[in-house]
Protein backbone atom coordinates (compact mmCIF):
# COMPACT_ATOMS: atom_id res chain seq x y z
CA MET A 1 142.92 116.26 118.59
CA HIS A 2 139.64 117.74 118.33
CA THR A 3 137.24 119.24 120.80
CA ASN A 4 134.56 116.60 118.92
CA SER A 5 136.69 113.08 119.51
CA VAL A 6 135.15 111.90 116.43
CA SER A 7 133.52 112.52 113.10
CA ILE A 8 131.32 110.57 110.07
CA VAL A 9 133.21 111.17 106.63
CA PHE A 10 129.96 110.95 103.90
CA ASP A 11 132.25 110.76 100.60
CA ILE A 12 129.20 112.60 98.34
CA GLN A 13 128.99 111.76 94.58
CA LYS A 14 127.18 112.44 92.11
CA LYS A 15 125.12 109.28 92.02
CA ASN A 16 124.31 109.08 95.93
CA PHE A 17 123.96 112.71 96.14
CA TYR A 18 120.15 112.17 97.04
CA SER A 19 120.36 109.40 99.36
CA LEU A 20 122.79 110.65 101.75
CA THR A 21 121.94 113.99 101.52
CA SER A 22 119.11 113.19 103.17
CA LEU A 23 121.27 111.15 106.45
CA ILE A 24 123.37 114.22 106.44
CA ALA A 25 119.81 116.01 107.10
CA THR A 26 118.73 114.18 109.74
CA ILE A 27 122.05 113.74 111.67
CA ASP A 28 121.73 117.83 111.61
CA GLU A 29 118.48 117.59 113.23
CA ASP A 30 119.20 115.32 115.81
CA VAL A 31 119.80 116.65 119.02
CA ASN A 32 121.52 113.19 120.42
CA LEU A 33 124.55 113.79 117.95
CA ARG A 34 125.46 117.37 118.40
CA ASN A 35 128.89 116.18 119.40
CA LEU A 36 129.20 114.37 116.11
CA ASP A 37 131.25 116.29 113.41
CA GLN A 38 129.65 115.51 109.92
CA ILE A 39 133.10 116.56 107.29
CA ILE A 40 131.52 116.44 103.42
CA THR A 41 133.95 115.30 100.85
CA GLU A 42 133.77 114.53 96.90
CA ASP A 43 136.29 111.24 96.43
CA LEU A 44 137.01 110.42 99.46
CA SER A 45 141.13 109.67 99.18
CA SER A 46 144.04 108.36 102.04
CA ASN A 47 145.25 110.95 103.11
CA ASP A 48 141.76 112.97 102.99
CA ILE A 49 141.97 109.94 106.04
CA LYS A 50 145.33 109.84 107.49
CA SER A 51 144.41 113.82 107.88
CA LEU A 52 141.31 113.78 109.35
CA LEU A 53 143.26 111.16 112.38
CA LYS A 54 145.15 113.32 113.17
CA LYS A 55 141.88 115.60 114.36
CA TYR A 56 139.93 113.17 115.56
CA ALA A 57 140.31 110.02 118.08
CA ARG A 58 137.62 107.66 115.40
CA ILE A 59 136.10 108.59 112.47
CA ILE A 60 133.37 106.80 110.88
CA VAL A 61 133.98 106.74 107.16
CA ALA A 62 129.75 106.22 105.29
CA TYR A 63 129.30 105.45 101.50
CA SER A 64 126.42 104.85 99.21
CA PHE A 65 126.01 103.13 96.20
CA ARG A 66 124.64 101.11 93.76
CA THR A 67 125.56 97.40 91.97
CA SER A 68 127.00 99.64 88.81
CA GLN A 69 129.77 101.77 91.13
CA LEU A 70 130.70 98.47 92.34
CA GLU A 71 134.65 97.78 91.23
CA LYS A 72 134.54 101.82 92.05
CA ILE A 73 134.26 101.08 95.80
CA TYR A 74 136.13 97.92 95.93
CA THR A 75 138.81 99.93 94.37
CA LYS A 76 138.96 102.38 96.40
CA MET A 77 138.18 100.35 99.81
CA LYS A 78 141.22 98.02 98.93
CA THR A 79 143.18 101.29 98.53
CA PHE A 80 142.10 102.00 101.88
CA TYR A 81 143.54 99.18 103.47
CA SER A 82 146.78 99.02 101.96
CA ALA A 83 147.64 102.90 102.44
CA LEU A 84 147.10 103.65 106.15
CA SER A 85 148.48 102.06 108.73
CA THR A 86 147.75 99.80 111.82
CA ASP A 87 147.14 101.90 114.09
CA GLU A 88 144.54 104.27 111.76
CA ILE A 89 143.06 101.80 109.71
CA HIS A 90 141.96 100.26 113.65
CA ARG A 91 140.06 103.72 114.71
CA VAL A 92 138.27 104.27 111.27
CA THR A 93 134.80 101.79 111.50
CA PHE A 94 133.43 101.72 107.68
CA ILE A 95 129.83 101.38 107.60
CA ALA A 96 128.06 101.18 103.83
CA GLY A 97 124.34 101.92 103.14
CA GLY A 98 121.94 102.84 99.22
CA SER A 99 120.56 99.73 96.81
CA HIS A 100 123.80 97.15 96.44
CA PRO A 101 124.70 96.95 100.10
CA THR A 102 120.96 96.19 101.20
CA GLY A 103 120.70 94.13 98.35
CA ASP A 104 123.58 92.31 99.02
CA PRO A 105 125.09 93.02 102.11
CA LEU A 106 127.83 89.82 102.16
CA THR A 107 129.66 91.51 99.04
CA THR A 108 129.30 95.06 100.79
CA LEU A 109 131.31 93.47 104.47
CA LYS A 110 134.03 91.47 101.69
CA PHE A 111 135.09 94.99 100.23
CA GLY A 112 135.71 95.81 104.10
CA PHE A 113 133.05 97.93 105.50
CA ASP A 114 132.16 96.92 109.58
CA PHE A 115 128.43 96.91 109.12
CA SER A 116 126.36 97.00 105.75
CA PHE A 117 122.49 99.21 106.27
CA ILE A 118 119.91 97.80 104.93
CA GLY A 119 116.56 99.32 104.00
CA GLU A 120 115.80 103.16 105.17
CA ALA A 121 118.61 104.33 107.24
CA GLU A 122 116.98 107.34 108.58
CA TYR A 123 116.00 105.77 111.81
CA SER A 124 118.60 103.22 112.10
CA LEU A 125 121.83 105.31 111.59
CA PRO A 126 121.02 108.19 114.24
CA PHE A 127 120.34 104.94 116.40
CA PHE A 128 123.91 103.57 115.45
CA LEU A 129 126.07 107.20 115.85
CA LYS A 130 124.65 107.36 119.46
CA ASN A 131 125.01 104.46 120.78
CA PHE A 132 128.50 104.86 119.15
CA LEU A 133 129.48 107.81 120.41
CA GLU A 134 127.98 106.65 124.37
CA LYS A 135 130.38 103.92 124.02
CA ASP A 136 126.82 101.49 124.11
CA ASP A 137 126.24 98.24 122.12
CA ILE A 138 126.06 99.03 118.45
CA TYR A 139 125.03 95.59 117.81
CA LYS A 140 121.79 96.92 119.35
CA THR A 141 121.35 98.05 115.99
CA PRO A 142 117.95 97.96 114.07
CA GLY A 143 118.85 96.97 110.34
CA ILE A 144 122.33 96.23 109.82
CA ALA A 145 124.33 93.25 108.76
CA PHE A 146 127.71 92.56 109.95
CA LEU A 147 130.37 89.27 108.89
CA LYS A 148 129.85 86.09 111.25
CA ASN A 149 132.41 84.38 109.08
CA GLU A 150 134.31 84.83 105.20
CA THR A 151 130.87 83.32 104.05
CA SER A 152 128.08 84.41 105.56
CA ILE A 153 127.18 87.40 107.81
CA SER A 154 124.65 88.09 110.93
CA SER A 155 121.67 90.75 110.79
CA THR A 156 120.04 92.73 113.31
CA SER A 157 115.87 93.39 112.01
CA ARG A 158 114.66 96.49 109.98
CA PRO A 159 114.00 99.84 111.65
CA PRO A 160 110.02 100.65 111.35
CA PRO A 161 108.51 102.57 108.16
CA ILE A 162 109.37 106.25 108.55
CA ASN A 163 106.75 108.52 108.28
CA LEU A 164 108.33 111.28 105.31
CA ASP A 165 107.15 114.02 107.28
CA ASP A 166 108.89 113.77 110.39
CA TYR A 167 112.69 113.50 107.92
CA LEU A 168 113.59 116.17 105.73
CA PHE A 169 114.66 116.14 102.37
CA LEU A 170 117.17 118.65 102.30
CA SER A 171 119.79 119.50 104.67
CA LYS A 172 120.07 123.31 105.47
CA LYS A 173 122.69 124.04 107.35
CA ARG A 174 125.13 122.49 104.68
CA LYS A 175 122.98 123.33 101.35
CA LEU A 176 122.85 120.44 100.48
CA TYR A 177 119.22 120.67 97.89
CA PRO A 178 118.40 117.08 95.80
CA PRO A 179 115.07 117.01 94.63
CA LEU A 180 112.04 116.83 96.42
CA GLU A 181 111.15 113.46 97.87
CA ILE A 182 107.30 113.36 97.17
CA THR A 183 106.50 109.22 97.70
CA ARG A 184 109.01 106.70 98.71
CA GLY A 185 108.13 102.95 98.04
CA CYS A 186 106.08 100.80 95.27
CA ALA A 187 103.97 98.48 95.38
CA PHE A 188 104.40 96.98 91.72
CA GLY A 189 106.78 94.04 91.70
CA CYS A 190 109.13 94.40 88.36
CA THR A 191 111.26 91.71 88.98
CA PHE A 192 114.28 93.74 87.88
CA CYS A 193 113.67 96.83 90.49
CA GLN A 194 115.47 97.33 93.50
CA VAL A 195 112.85 99.67 94.77
CA PRO A 196 110.21 96.83 96.09
CA MET A 197 113.03 94.97 97.49
CA LEU A 198 114.66 98.27 99.49
CA PHE A 199 111.01 99.45 101.06
CA LYS A 200 109.22 96.53 100.79
CA HIS A 201 106.63 97.66 98.37
CA ARG A 202 105.51 100.12 101.60
CA ILE A 203 104.21 103.10 99.71
CA ARG A 204 104.53 106.34 101.76
CA HIS A 205 103.42 109.98 100.75
CA ARG A 206 104.37 113.34 101.90
CA SER A 207 102.50 115.62 103.12
CA ALA A 208 101.70 118.44 100.30
CA GLU A 209 101.42 120.62 103.43
CA ILE A 210 105.70 120.14 104.41
CA ILE A 211 106.41 120.21 101.37
CA ILE A 212 105.35 123.15 100.02
CA ASN A 213 105.89 124.99 103.03
CA MET A 214 109.58 123.70 102.48
CA VAL A 215 109.54 125.23 98.75
CA LYS A 216 108.71 128.93 100.44
CA TRP A 217 111.98 128.30 102.91
CA MET A 218 113.77 127.45 99.63
CA VAL A 219 112.59 130.32 97.10
CA THR A 220 113.99 132.46 100.10
CA LYS A 221 117.57 131.09 99.73
CA GLN A 222 116.52 131.72 95.28
CA LEU A 223 115.79 127.67 94.92
CA ASN A 224 113.82 128.95 92.38
CA ASP A 225 113.27 126.07 90.39
CA ILE A 226 111.35 122.68 91.58
CA ARG A 227 111.82 118.80 91.29
CA PHE A 228 110.87 116.45 92.28
CA ILE A 229 111.74 112.39 93.18
CA THR A 230 109.28 109.63 93.16
CA PRO A 231 108.49 106.29 91.67
CA ASN A 232 105.39 107.45 90.13
CA SER A 233 104.81 110.91 90.18
CA PHE A 234 101.16 110.59 88.99
CA GLY A 235 100.76 107.66 92.03
CA TYR A 236 101.85 110.27 94.90
CA LEU A 237 98.68 109.92 97.34
CA SER A 238 96.98 107.82 95.40
CA LYS A 239 95.90 104.44 97.83
CA SER A 240 95.74 102.53 95.17
CA THR A 241 98.47 100.70 92.64
CA LYS A 242 96.98 102.46 89.30
CA SER A 243 94.05 104.72 91.06
CA VAL A 244 95.30 108.09 90.17
CA ASN A 245 94.42 111.25 92.77
CA GLN A 246 93.71 113.76 90.81
CA GLU A 247 92.79 116.41 93.50
CA GLY A 248 96.27 115.67 95.42
CA ILE A 249 98.25 115.86 92.42
CA MET A 250 96.29 119.46 91.49
CA TYR A 251 96.13 120.38 95.36
CA LEU A 252 100.35 120.25 95.57
CA LEU A 253 100.91 121.60 92.31
CA GLU A 254 98.61 124.79 93.14
CA GLY A 255 100.27 125.44 96.32
CA LEU A 256 103.52 125.04 95.20
CA ARG A 257 101.76 127.50 92.01
CA SER A 258 101.27 130.24 94.64
CA ILE A 259 104.30 130.41 96.19
CA LYS A 260 105.83 134.05 94.79
CA GLY A 261 109.21 133.16 93.95
CA VAL A 262 108.18 130.39 92.62
CA ARG A 263 110.17 129.82 88.60
CA SER A 264 109.74 126.77 87.41
CA ILE A 265 107.60 123.04 88.58
CA PHE A 266 109.11 120.23 86.88
CA TYR A 267 106.22 117.41 87.69
CA GLY A 268 106.72 113.54 85.42
CA THR A 269 110.48 114.50 84.91
CA PHE A 270 113.71 112.67 85.86
CA PRO A 271 113.84 110.80 88.45
CA GLY A 272 110.42 111.14 89.26
CA GLU A 273 108.60 109.33 85.78
CA VAL A 274 104.99 107.87 84.68
CA ARG A 275 104.07 104.42 84.72
CA PRO A 276 101.45 104.27 81.60
CA GLU A 277 98.34 103.44 83.57
CA THR A 278 98.00 106.15 85.39
CA VAL A 279 98.11 108.76 82.44
CA SER A 280 94.89 110.35 80.92
CA GLU A 281 93.54 113.34 78.74
CA GLU A 282 92.25 114.80 81.64
CA LEU A 283 94.37 114.48 83.89
CA ILE A 284 97.43 115.80 81.50
CA THR A 285 95.07 118.73 80.17
CA LYS A 286 94.63 120.15 84.00
CA ILE A 287 98.22 119.75 84.86
CA LYS A 288 99.92 121.08 81.63
CA PRO A 289 99.72 124.72 82.81
CA LEU A 290 100.85 124.17 86.15
CA ILE A 291 103.59 122.88 85.35
CA ALA A 292 107.20 123.82 82.65
CA ASN A 293 108.76 121.03 81.25
CA ARG A 294 107.30 119.57 78.21
CA ARG A 295 108.83 116.22 78.87
CA ILE A 296 107.54 113.63 80.56
CA SER A 297 109.25 110.62 81.32
CA ILE A 298 107.39 107.44 80.83
CA GLY A 299 108.83 102.88 80.59
CA LEU A 300 107.81 100.93 78.77
CA GLN A 301 110.77 98.86 78.84
CA SER A 302 109.83 96.87 76.78
CA GLY A 303 108.46 95.91 72.93
CA SER A 304 107.26 92.03 74.00
CA ASN A 305 103.83 91.76 75.61
CA LYS A 306 105.21 88.20 76.79
CA VAL A 307 108.50 90.14 78.32
CA LEU A 308 106.12 92.38 80.06
CA ARG A 309 104.28 89.65 81.78
CA GLU A 310 107.51 87.36 82.31
CA ILE A 311 109.02 91.27 84.15
CA ARG A 312 105.61 91.45 85.89
CA ARG A 313 105.77 94.65 84.50
CA GLY A 314 101.76 95.75 84.86
CA HIS A 315 100.82 97.07 81.78
CA THR A 316 100.88 95.78 78.34
CA VAL A 317 102.53 97.41 75.08
CA GLU A 318 99.20 98.71 73.63
CA GLU A 319 98.10 100.26 76.85
CA ALA A 320 102.03 101.88 77.37
CA VAL A 321 101.48 102.93 73.63
CA SER A 322 98.17 103.86 74.56
CA ALA A 323 99.13 106.76 77.24
CA ILE A 324 101.97 107.94 75.11
CA ASP A 325 99.70 109.26 72.41
CA ILE A 326 97.71 110.92 74.88
CA LEU A 327 100.61 112.27 76.28
CA LEU A 328 102.14 113.87 72.53
CA SER A 329 98.35 114.77 71.80
CA SER A 330 98.57 117.34 74.60
CA GLY A 331 101.87 118.69 73.51
CA PHE A 332 103.79 116.54 75.51
CA THR A 333 107.78 114.69 74.06
CA PRO A 334 107.50 111.58 75.82
CA ILE A 335 110.62 110.32 76.82
CA VAL A 336 110.28 105.91 76.99
CA ASP A 337 112.15 103.66 78.90
CA ILE A 338 113.08 100.88 77.54
CA ILE A 339 115.44 98.01 78.67
CA ILE A 340 117.62 95.42 76.18
CA GLY A 341 118.47 92.45 77.20
CA LEU A 342 115.57 91.65 80.36
CA PRO A 343 116.43 87.42 80.73
CA GLY A 344 114.36 85.76 78.96
CA ALA A 345 113.63 87.85 75.96
CA THR A 346 114.08 85.78 72.61
CA GLU A 347 115.83 87.64 69.27
CA ASP A 348 112.10 87.88 68.48
CA ASP A 349 111.31 89.66 71.48
CA GLU A 350 113.75 92.15 71.08
CA GLU A 351 113.28 92.60 67.19
CA GLN A 352 109.60 93.19 68.43
CA THR A 353 111.25 96.27 71.15
CA ILE A 354 113.15 97.93 68.03
CA HIS A 355 109.81 97.84 65.88
CA VAL A 356 107.93 99.47 69.01
CA ILE A 357 111.16 101.58 69.31
CA ASP A 358 110.62 102.81 65.27
CA ASN A 359 107.26 103.50 65.60
CA LEU A 360 107.64 104.91 68.33
CA ILE A 361 110.06 107.79 66.99
CA GLN A 362 108.46 108.42 64.19
CA LYS A 363 105.30 109.64 66.43
CA GLN A 364 108.44 112.50 67.73
CA ALA A 365 109.10 110.23 70.78
CA ILE A 366 112.32 109.51 72.66
CA ILE A 367 114.26 106.59 73.52
CA ARG A 368 116.46 106.29 76.58
CA ALA A 369 117.92 102.80 76.18
CA HIS A 370 118.91 101.18 78.67
CA VAL A 371 120.86 97.71 79.35
CA PHE A 372 119.96 95.29 81.94
CA MET A 373 121.59 94.39 84.95
CA PRO A 374 120.98 91.73 87.68
CA LEU A 375 120.46 94.27 90.47
CA PRO A 376 120.76 92.09 93.90
CA GLY A 377 117.65 91.33 96.09
CA THR A 378 115.40 91.53 93.06
CA ALA A 379 113.49 88.30 91.43
CA LEU A 380 116.36 88.25 88.45
CA GLU A 381 119.07 88.01 90.60
CA SER A 382 120.45 84.98 89.73
CA SER A 383 120.45 85.85 86.12
CA ILE A 384 123.56 84.81 84.07
CA TYR A 385 124.56 88.44 82.27
CA HIS A 386 124.68 88.68 78.66
CA PRO A 387 125.70 90.95 76.23
CA ILE A 388 123.20 92.58 73.75
CA SER A 389 123.00 91.12 70.32
CA PRO A 390 125.76 92.16 67.72
CA LYS A 391 122.41 92.44 65.01
CA ILE A 392 120.50 94.72 68.48
CA ARG A 393 123.50 96.41 68.59
CA LYS A 394 123.78 97.34 65.02
CA LYS A 395 120.37 98.66 65.02
CA LEU A 396 120.61 100.61 68.24
CA GLY A 397 123.59 102.13 67.03
CA ARG A 398 121.65 103.35 63.63
CA LEU A 399 118.66 104.30 65.68
CA ASN A 400 121.62 106.12 68.34
CA SER A 401 122.81 108.46 65.03
CA THR A 402 118.85 110.03 64.75
CA GLY A 403 119.71 111.38 67.94
CA LYS A 404 116.30 110.20 69.03
CA ILE A 405 117.61 107.36 71.64
CA GLU A 406 119.06 108.94 74.82
CA GLY A 407 121.27 107.28 77.19
CA ASN A 408 124.51 106.24 77.86
CA TRP A 409 123.56 102.45 77.36
CA ASN A 410 127.16 101.13 75.35
CA GLN A 411 128.23 102.67 79.01
CA GLN A 412 125.40 100.59 81.01
CA GLU A 413 127.01 97.61 79.38
CA LEU A 414 130.15 98.18 79.99
CA TYR A 415 129.26 98.32 83.87
CA ALA A 416 126.43 95.35 84.02
CA LYS A 417 129.23 93.11 82.66
CA ARG A 418 132.06 94.06 85.07
CA ALA A 419 129.50 94.41 88.32
CA TRP A 420 127.88 90.80 87.27
CA GLU A 421 131.75 89.24 87.13
CA MET A 422 132.43 90.91 90.68
CA MET A 423 129.49 89.50 92.14
CA GLN A 424 130.26 86.27 91.08
CA ASP A 425 134.27 86.64 92.07
CA MET A 426 133.61 87.95 95.44
CA ARG A 427 131.31 84.41 96.07
CA SER A 428 135.46 83.16 96.43
CA VAL A 429 137.42 85.81 97.60
CA SER A 430 138.15 86.20 100.92
CA PRO A 431 137.07 89.46 102.97
CA LEU A 432 138.81 92.35 103.31
CA THR A 433 140.35 92.76 107.00
CA ARG A 434 142.79 95.27 108.96
CA GLY A 435 145.66 92.63 108.78
CA ASP A 436 145.77 93.94 105.29
CA SER A 437 146.82 97.09 106.35
CA LEU A 438 150.30 98.26 106.18
């Protein structure tokens, strides 16, 4: 048996790399968890678990996942429950967090997870792990849900919102380096988006000093290209939803640019797009000499003002097009996010969107097309999934052939359809239990 009798296993994949890295870094820094081994894997298998159980008395298997990953996660969990022996499965505790477990803990728990973490886990996960190691009451952990019976859950109150400056955003020890999270949360209430649900509309910014000091360390490890995670790059350090703190943005970018060894700064690119109402010629002119990218991601979502009002987007088509024109005239290529199939969008609304897309492409903007997926915890979670109409599909295909549309919307449509079907099916499916093991 291993010296440390307990380990936590993180199954890292491309779609959960950002969220898991901050948790891994948090555990590494926690003095109360020095006796907990962290195992980082990719595509964890039943045989991997069996091997680990030869070294450890107990293991905790941790996942973070999105709604689009439901089928893959459920298939994996069924495999674990069927392949592990009764003794083995009882020595494994399955936990999950992320956007889907926060919005839909019941389905998550039915998948066979013992606990679903709700909201931010930087505070609650170390709390849980400390109690687990000390054989204390893990049900005291804030921000967790667990099955009460086959059809309902119990949950504890959410943990307090964290101060981003108190937590690392990358793992020095394990060499896990995601883009730098500079802002968390969004005060807008777009009905399709999970971000306000995840963070309860609370906006927090990581201070420029913390970011600059971390980048000074990064360049010593040849991490010379700097990218960011934020719901709205031009909202950094702003005090209200539509205001722009130009001074704060410039302080950050100029501070980073002054660091010897920084090669390129990418700002306003995925995963840190900008909102249209924050774009101004003055700001773009100021930041242009400081950043390397000449593409900026901007959210429009629909070419219909009626749809934009219904999804509570907070801007009009005209305001978004004006912002896109500013980017174009300033020498940037706008990458414009559009969602096809939003609830309430009629064929006429979709035709308006296609018309706007055509006009933007003629201006040399690039479209990033997405397909609507009802996401748990959002205002549109109860929406019925509808496939894209053949007429709109044909027009998207035509536009796609020009090379001016990015995004694998065909694959997204398959994910959306399957995820929606699974969420409907899981309402009547019994949870996976340890009685299902060998």
